[in-house]
C-alpha atoms as a PDB file:
ATOM      1  CA  UNK A   1      35.556 106.501 109.200  1.00  0.00           C
ATOM      2  CA  UNK A   2      39.323 106.227 109.634  1.00  0.00           C
ATOM      3  CA  UNK A   3      40.834 103.262 111.429  1.00  0.00           C
ATOM      4  CA  UNK A   4      44.199 103.755 113.087  1.00  0.00           C
ATOM      5  CA  UNK A   5      46.458 100.733 112.946  1.00  0.00           C
ATOM      6  CA  UNK A   6      48.229  99.659 116.105  1.00  0.00           C
ATOM      7  CA  UNK A   7      51.964  99.184 115.664  1.00  0.00           C
ATOM      8  CA  UNK A   8      54.002  96.896 117.897  1.00  0.00           C
ATOM      9  CA  UNK A   9      57.768  96.700 118.060  1.00  0.00           C
ATOM     10  CA  UNK A  10      59.270  93.304 118.869  1.00  0.00           C
ATOM     11  CA  UNK A  11      62.766  93.255 120.345  1.00  0.00           C
ATOM     12  CA  UNK A  12      64.393  89.830 120.201  1.00  0.00           C
ATOM     13  CA  UNK A  13      66.901  90.058 123.034  1.00  0.00           C
ATOM     14  CA  UNK A  14      66.981  86.451 124.174  1.00  0.00           C
ATOM     15  CA  UNK A  15      70.439  85.545 122.920  1.00  0.00           C
ATOM     16  CA  UNK A  16      72.954  84.153 125.362  1.00  0.00           C
ATOM     17  CA  UNK A  17      75.581  86.638 124.154  1.00  0.00           C
ATOM     18  CA  UNK A  18      78.242  83.974 123.758  1.00  0.00           C
ATOM     19  CA  UNK A  19      80.564  86.173 121.669  1.00  0.00           C
ATOM     20  CA  UNK A  20      79.864  89.171 123.902  1.00  0.00           C
ATOM     21  CA  UNK A  21      80.594  87.229 127.094  1.00  0.00           C
ATOM     22  CA  UNK A  22      77.168  87.871 128.649  1.00  0.00           C
ATOM     23  CA  UNK A  23      73.637  88.522 127.503  1.00  0.00           C
ATOM     24  CA  UNK A  24      73.685  91.976 125.885  1.00  0.00           C
ATOM     25  CA  UNK A  25      70.387  92.765 127.557  1.00  0.00           C
ATOM     26  CA  UNK A  26      72.164  92.824 130.939  1.00  0.00           C
ATOM     27  CA  UNK A  27      75.316  94.631 129.775  1.00  0.00           C
ATOM     28  CA  UNK A  28      76.050  98.063 131.238  1.00  0.00           C
ATOM     29  CA  UNK A  29      73.231  97.732 133.778  1.00  0.00           C
ATOM     30  CA  UNK A  30      70.638  97.347 131.025  1.00  0.00           C
ATOM     31  CA  UNK A  31      71.670 100.375 128.956  1.00  0.00           C
ATOM     32  CA  UNK A  32      71.446  98.370 125.699  1.00  0.00           C
ATOM     33  CA  UNK A  33      67.872  97.369 126.530  1.00  0.00           C
ATOM     34  CA  UNK A  34      66.864 100.909 127.534  1.00  0.00           C
ATOM     35  CA  UNK A  35      68.270 102.394 124.318  1.00  0.00           C
ATOM     36  CA  UNK A  36      66.584  99.750 122.143  1.00  0.00           C
ATOM     37  CA  UNK A  37      63.171 100.166 123.789  1.00  0.00           C
ATOM     38  CA  UNK A  38      63.458 103.959 123.572  1.00  0.00           C
ATOM     39  CA  UNK A  39      64.160 103.658 119.831  1.00  0.00           C
ATOM     40  CA  UNK A  40      60.941 101.679 119.334  1.00  0.00           C
ATOM     41  CA  UNK A  41      59.024 104.183 121.450  1.00  0.00           C
ATOM     42  CA  UNK A  42      60.387 107.149 119.512  1.00  0.00           C
ATOM     43  CA  UNK A  43      59.604 105.289 116.286  1.00  0.00           C
ATOM     44  CA  UNK A  44      55.874 105.563 117.036  1.00  0.00           C
ATOM     45  CA  UNK A  45      55.294 102.000 118.241  1.00  0.00           C
ATOM     46  CA  UNK A  46      52.147 101.719 120.330  1.00  0.00           C
ATOM     47  CA  UNK A  47      53.502  98.701 122.194  1.00  0.00           C
ATOM     48  CA  UNK A  48      56.952  97.194 122.637  1.00  0.00           C
ATOM     49  CA  UNK A  49      57.382  93.485 123.298  1.00  0.00           C
ATOM     50  CA  UNK A  50      60.763  92.318 124.586  1.00  0.00           C
ATOM     51  CA  UNK A  51      61.767  88.642 124.486  1.00  0.00           C
ATOM     52  CA  UNK A  52      64.461  88.199 127.161  1.00  0.00           C
ATOM     53  CA  UNK A  53      64.126  84.485 127.864  1.00  0.00           C
ATOM     54  CA  UNK A  54      67.808  83.574 127.531  1.00  0.00           C
ATOM     55  CA  UNK A  55      68.177  79.963 126.364  1.00  0.00           C
ATOM     56  CA  UNK A  56      70.284  77.555 128.388  1.00  0.00           C
ATOM     57  CA  UNK A  57      73.094  75.971 126.338  1.00  0.00           C
ATOM     58  CA  UNK A  58      72.580  72.237 125.920  1.00  0.00           C
ATOM     59  CA  UNK A  59      75.414  69.722 126.279  1.00  0.00           C
END
């Protein structure tokens, strides 16, 4: 019996984008996010998990 492994892609997109001026995940109406998720999908990932919880800078 053959067992097929499940593969998950994890995209860490939670950065505040300080050097970029905004979170990259929201840049160009989300194009960056769409391209990154598509790359995981085309790379045979069964699931894609995206972390987009942008941290709030502390004083």
